[in-house]
C-alpha atoms as a PDB file:
ATOM      1  CA  MET A   1     -14.210  18.440 -24.352  1.00  0.00           C
ATOM      2  CA  LYS A   2     -10.577  17.586 -23.712  1.00  0.00           C
ATOM      3  CA  THR A   3      -9.497  16.882 -20.150  1.00  0.00           C
ATOM      4  CA  PRO A   4      -6.933  19.497 -19.057  1.00  0.00           C
ATOM      5  CA  ASP A   5      -3.318  18.553 -18.449  1.00  0.00           C
ATOM      6  CA  ASN A   6      -2.905  16.898 -15.048  1.00  0.00           C
ATOM      7  CA  LYS A   7       0.745  16.134 -14.319  1.00  0.00           C
ATOM      8  CA  LEU A   8      -0.061  14.129 -11.189  1.00  0.00           C
ATOM      9  CA  LEU A   9      -2.255  11.701 -13.105  1.00  0.00           C
ATOM     10  CA  ALA A  10       0.179  11.600 -16.015  1.00  0.00           C
ATOM     11  CA  THR A  11       3.029  10.679 -13.670  1.00  0.00           C
ATOM     12  CA  ALA A  12       0.905   8.029 -11.963  1.00  0.00           C
ATOM     13  CA  GLY A  13      -0.152   6.628 -15.330  1.00  0.00           C
ATOM     14  CA  TYR A  14       3.373   6.425 -16.726  1.00  0.00           C
ATOM     15  CA  LEU A  15       4.706   4.844 -13.518  1.00  0.00           C
ATOM     16  CA  THR A  16       1.903   2.282 -13.607  1.00  0.00           C
ATOM     17  CA  LEU A  17       2.668   1.460 -17.246  1.00  0.00           C
ATOM     18  CA  GLY A  18       6.288   0.984 -16.194  1.00  0.00           C
ATOM     19  CA  ILE A  19       5.133  -1.445 -13.512  1.00  0.00           C
ATOM     20  CA  ALA A  20       3.097  -3.289 -16.154  1.00  0.00           C
ATOM     21  CA  VAL A  21       6.183  -3.761 -18.325  1.00  0.00           C
ATOM     22  CA  PHE A  22       8.248  -4.811 -15.306  1.00  0.00           C
ATOM     23  CA  GLN A  23       5.556  -7.323 -14.265  1.00  0.00           C
ATOM     24  CA  ALA A  24       5.377  -8.750 -17.779  1.00  0.00           C
ATOM     25  CA  VAL A  25       9.146  -9.259 -17.867  1.00  0.00           C
ATOM     26  CA  ILE A  26       9.594 -10.822 -14.419  1.00  0.00           C
ATOM     27  CA  SER A  27       6.673 -13.201 -14.988  1.00  0.00           C
ATOM     28  CA  LEU A  28       8.707 -14.871 -17.725  1.00  0.00           C
ATOM     29  CA  VAL A  29      11.659 -15.691 -15.428  1.00  0.00           C
ATOM     30  CA  PRO A  30      10.717 -17.859 -12.411  1.00  0.00           C
ATOM     31  CA  GLU A  31      13.794 -16.881 -10.374  1.00  0.00           C
ATOM     32  CA  TRP A  32      12.988 -13.190 -10.740  1.00  0.00           C
ATOM     33  CA  SER A  33       9.351 -13.790  -9.867  1.00  0.00           C
ATOM     34  CA  VAL A  34      10.290 -15.582  -6.634  1.00  0.00           C
ATOM     35  CA  PHE A  35      12.751 -12.824  -5.755  1.00  0.00           C
ATOM     36  CA  PHE A  36       9.984 -10.246  -6.140  1.00  0.00           C
ATOM     37  CA  GLY A  37       7.463 -12.161  -4.050  1.00  0.00           C
ATOM     38  CA  ALA A  38       5.826 -14.900  -6.123  1.00  0.00           C
ATOM     39  CA  PRO A  39       5.237 -18.136  -4.202  1.00  0.00           C
ATOM     40  CA  PRO A  40       7.831 -20.770  -5.171  1.00  0.00           C
ATOM     41  CA  GLU A  41       5.012 -23.234  -5.883  1.00  0.00           C
ATOM     42  CA  MET A  42       3.639 -20.892  -8.538  1.00  0.00           C
ATOM     43  CA  ALA A  43       7.068 -20.303 -10.030  1.00  0.00           C
ATOM     44  CA  ALA A  44       7.499 -24.069 -10.434  1.00  0.00           C
ATOM     45  CA  ASP A  45       4.700 -24.024 -13.014  1.00  0.00           C
ATOM     46  CA  ARG A  46       6.041 -21.724 -15.724  1.00  0.00           C
ATOM     47  CA  ALA A  47       2.732 -21.609 -17.601  1.00  0.00           C
ATOM     48  CA  LEU A  48       0.758 -20.628 -14.497  1.00  0.00           C
ATOM     49  CA  LEU A  49       3.388 -18.051 -13.607  1.00  0.00           C
ATOM     50  CA  ALA A  50       3.297 -16.535 -17.084  1.00  0.00           C
ATOM     51  CA  VAL A  51      -0.516 -16.392 -17.216  1.00  0.00           C
ATOM     52  CA  ALA A  52      -0.823 -14.910 -13.722  1.00  0.00           C
ATOM     53  CA  GLY A  53       2.000 -12.432 -14.320  1.00  0.00           C
ATOM     54  CA  GLU A  54       0.724 -11.303 -17.701  1.00  0.00           C
ATOM     55  CA  LEU A  55      -2.799 -10.920 -16.301  1.00  0.00           C
ATOM     56  CA  CYS A  56      -1.421  -8.690 -13.540  1.00  0.00           C
ATOM     57  CA  ALA A  57       0.549  -6.738 -16.148  1.00  0.00           C
ATOM     58  CA  LEU A  58      -2.656  -6.272 -18.140  1.00  0.00           C
ATOM     59  CA  PHE A  59      -4.439  -4.800 -15.115  1.00  0.00           C
ATOM     60  CA  PHE A  60      -1.511  -2.474 -14.394  1.00  0.00           C
ATOM     61  CA  ALA A  61      -1.558  -1.343 -18.030  1.00  0.00           C
ATOM     62  CA  LEU A  62      -5.305  -0.710 -17.854  1.00  0.00           C
ATOM     63  CA  PHE A  63      -4.862   1.375 -14.689  1.00  0.00           C
ATOM     64  CA  GLY A  64      -1.983   3.225 -16.324  1.00  0.00           C
ATOM     65  CA  PHE A  65      -4.121   4.132 -19.330  1.00  0.00           C
ATOM     66  CA  TYR A  66      -6.837   5.399 -16.993  1.00  0.00           C
ATOM     67  CA  GLY A  67      -4.255   7.663 -15.350  1.00  0.00           C
ATOM     68  CA  LEU A  68      -3.207   8.949 -18.767  1.00  0.00           C
ATOM     69  CA  SER A  69      -6.855   9.408 -19.726  1.00  0.00           C
ATOM     70  CA  GLY A  70      -7.429  11.526 -16.637  1.00  0.00           C
ATOM     71  CA  ALA A  71      -4.357  13.550 -17.551  1.00  0.00           C
ATOM     72  CA  GLY A  72      -5.686  14.215 -21.035  1.00  0.00           C
ATOM     73  CA  VAL A  73      -2.860  12.275 -22.715  1.00  0.00           C
ATOM     74  CA  VAL A  74      -5.147   9.621 -24.229  1.00  0.00           C
ATOM     75  CA  ARG A  75      -8.847   9.698 -25.070  1.00  0.00           C
ATOM     76  CA  ARG A  76     -11.403   9.819 -22.310  1.00  0.00           C
ATOM     77  CA  LEU A  77     -12.221   6.366 -20.923  1.00  0.00           C
ATOM     78  CA  PRO A  78     -15.552   5.319 -19.378  1.00  0.00           C
ATOM     79  CA  LEU A  79     -16.127   5.559 -15.609  1.00  0.00           C
ATOM     80  CA  LEU A  80     -13.012   7.704 -15.384  1.00  0.00           C
ATOM     81  CA  ARG A  81     -13.455   9.204 -11.926  1.00  0.00           C
ATOM     82  CA  ALA A  82     -14.594   5.927 -10.349  1.00  0.00           C
ATOM     83  CA  VAL A  83     -11.673   3.952 -11.781  1.00  0.00           C
ATOM     84  CA  LEU A  84      -9.151   6.629 -10.781  1.00  0.00           C
ATOM     85  CA  VAL A  85     -10.428   6.661  -7.181  1.00  0.00           C
ATOM     86  CA  PHE A  86     -10.442   2.844  -7.089  1.00  0.00           C
ATOM     87  CA  THR A  87      -6.917   2.667  -8.518  1.00  0.00           C
ATOM     88  CA  GLY A  88      -5.592   5.255  -6.085  1.00  0.00           C
ATOM     89  CA  ALA A  89      -7.211   3.449  -3.148  1.00  0.00           C
ATOM     90  CA  VAL A  90      -5.752   0.087  -4.195  1.00  0.00           C
ATOM     91  CA  PHE A  91      -2.247   1.525  -4.521  1.00  0.00           C
ATOM     92  CA  VAL A  92      -2.500   3.378  -1.189  1.00  0.00           C
ATOM     93  CA  LEU A  93      -3.800   0.308   0.643  1.00  0.00           C
ATOM     94  CA  ARG A  94      -0.997  -1.799  -0.834  1.00  0.00           C
ATOM     95  CA  GLY A  95       1.515   0.897   0.030  1.00  0.00           C
ATOM     96  CA  LEU A  96       0.430   1.157   3.646  1.00  0.00           C
ATOM     97  CA  ALA A  97       2.142  -2.194   4.217  1.00  0.00           C
ATOM     98  CA  VAL A  98       5.322  -0.129   4.445  1.00  0.00           C
ATOM     99  CA  VAL A  99       4.326   0.987   7.948  1.00  0.00           C
ATOM    100  CA  LEU A 100       4.319  -2.591   9.257  1.00  0.00           C
ATOM    101  CA  GLN A 101       7.430  -3.441   7.265  1.00  0.00           C
ATOM    102  CA  ILE A 102       9.362  -0.554   8.808  1.00  0.00           C
ATOM    103  CA  LEU A 103       8.108  -1.376  12.311  1.00  0.00           C
ATOM    104  CA  VAL A 104       9.195  -5.011  11.920  1.00  0.00           C
ATOM    105  CA  ASN A 105      12.534  -4.157  10.317  1.00  0.00           C
ATOM    106  CA  SER A 106      13.305  -1.646  13.070  1.00  0.00           C
ATOM    107  CA  GLY A 107      12.517  -4.217  15.788  1.00  0.00           C
ATOM    108  CA  ILE A 108       9.489  -2.403  17.209  1.00  0.00           C
ATOM    109  CA  LEU A 109       7.246  -5.291  16.128  1.00  0.00           C
ATOM    110  CA  LYS A 110       8.239  -8.930  16.023  1.00  0.00           C
ATOM    111  CA  GLY A 111       8.233 -10.840  12.773  1.00  0.00           C
ATOM    112  CA  PRO A 112      10.414 -11.808   9.856  1.00  0.00           C
ATOM    113  CA  ALA A 113      12.372  -8.952   8.340  1.00  0.00           C
ATOM    114  CA  THR A 114      11.147  -7.603   5.028  1.00  0.00           C
ATOM    115  CA  PRO A 115      13.733  -7.363   2.233  1.00  0.00           C
ATOM    116  CA  ALA A 116      14.650  -3.830   1.207  1.00  0.00           C
ATOM    117  CA  HIS A 117      13.221  -4.247  -2.303  1.00  0.00           C
ATOM    118  CA  MET A 118       9.817  -5.143  -0.811  1.00  0.00           C
ATOM    119  CA  VAL A 119       9.891  -2.019   1.369  1.00  0.00           C
ATOM    120  CA  ALA A 120      10.774   0.001  -1.738  1.00  0.00           C
ATOM    121  CA  ALA A 121       7.856  -1.591  -3.627  1.00  0.00           C
ATOM    122  CA  SER A 122       5.489  -0.611  -0.824  1.00  0.00           C
ATOM    123  CA  LEU A 123       6.794   2.963  -0.821  1.00  0.00           C
ATOM    124  CA  LEU A 124       6.396   3.128  -4.593  1.00  0.00           C
ATOM    125  CA  SER A 125       2.823   1.856  -4.331  1.00  0.00           C
ATOM    126  CA  LEU A 126       2.022   4.427  -1.675  1.00  0.00           C
ATOM    127  CA  CYS A 127       3.490   7.249  -3.770  1.00  0.00           C
ATOM    128  CA  ILE A 128       1.624   6.165  -6.904  1.00  0.00           C
ATOM    129  CA  GLY A 129      -1.625   5.904  -4.954  1.00  0.00           C
ATOM    130  CA  VAL A 130      -1.155   9.401  -3.579  1.00  0.00           C
ATOM    131  CA  LEU A 131      -0.490  10.653  -7.129  1.00  0.00           C
ATOM    132  CA  TYR A 132      -3.702   9.040  -8.404  1.00  0.00           C
ATOM    133  CA  LEU A 133      -5.831  10.364  -5.553  1.00  0.00           C
ATOM    134  CA  SER A 134      -4.260  13.847  -5.542  1.00  0.00           C
ATOM    135  CA  GLY A 135      -4.570  14.147  -9.305  1.00  0.00           C
ATOM    136  CA  THR A 136      -8.171  12.964  -9.187  1.00  0.00           C
ATOM    137  CA  ILE A 137      -9.075  15.447  -6.449  1.00  0.00           C
ATOM    138  CA  ARG A 138      -7.232  18.244  -8.273  1.00  0.00           C
ATOM    139  CA  GLY A 139      -9.077  17.605 -11.507  1.00  0.00           C
ATOM    140  CA  TRP A 140     -12.394  16.347 -10.097  1.00  0.00           C
ATOM    141  CA  ARG A 141     -14.596  18.827 -11.971  1.00  0.00           C
ATOM    142  CA  ASN A 142     -12.786  18.281 -15.252  1.00  0.00           C
ATOM    143  CA  LEU A 143     -13.042  14.502 -14.857  1.00  0.00           C
ATOM    144  CA  ALA A 144     -16.837  14.545 -14.658  1.00  0.00           C
ATOM    145  CA  PRO A 145     -18.703  12.574 -17.335  1.00  0.00           C
ATOM    146  CA  GLU A 146     -19.412  14.558 -20.492  1.00  0.00           C
ATOM    147  CA  LYS A 147     -23.023  15.561 -21.067  1.00  0.00           C
END
């Protein structure tokens, strides 16, 4: 039985695959990695940076393929509903950092200002997480394991 088209999960999956490619590219350039949040100590060791960055890219790609599986774009993957809920929760939790970032940047809370690109990354994470969770809820019955 083919999983019906789910545009929310397809969008989340494609965005996550885009993040995987982006992660793979920036992990090869230490200056870019530091700009996007890697610790300078890690960036000093190019091999460690590349391994860590490519491993992260691999996980993003895996999550992206699960989103596409839930959307019916690629074949059905095992533990589909569980992985989609987990992925959505991880992205939402990461994205919720935007609340603190905005409060600090606006002066309501004290702390070092967060660069605009980090706020944008948090917003993107929150949006992707909402896409995963909304798409999973929308297609919950169709995402059930096949019997």
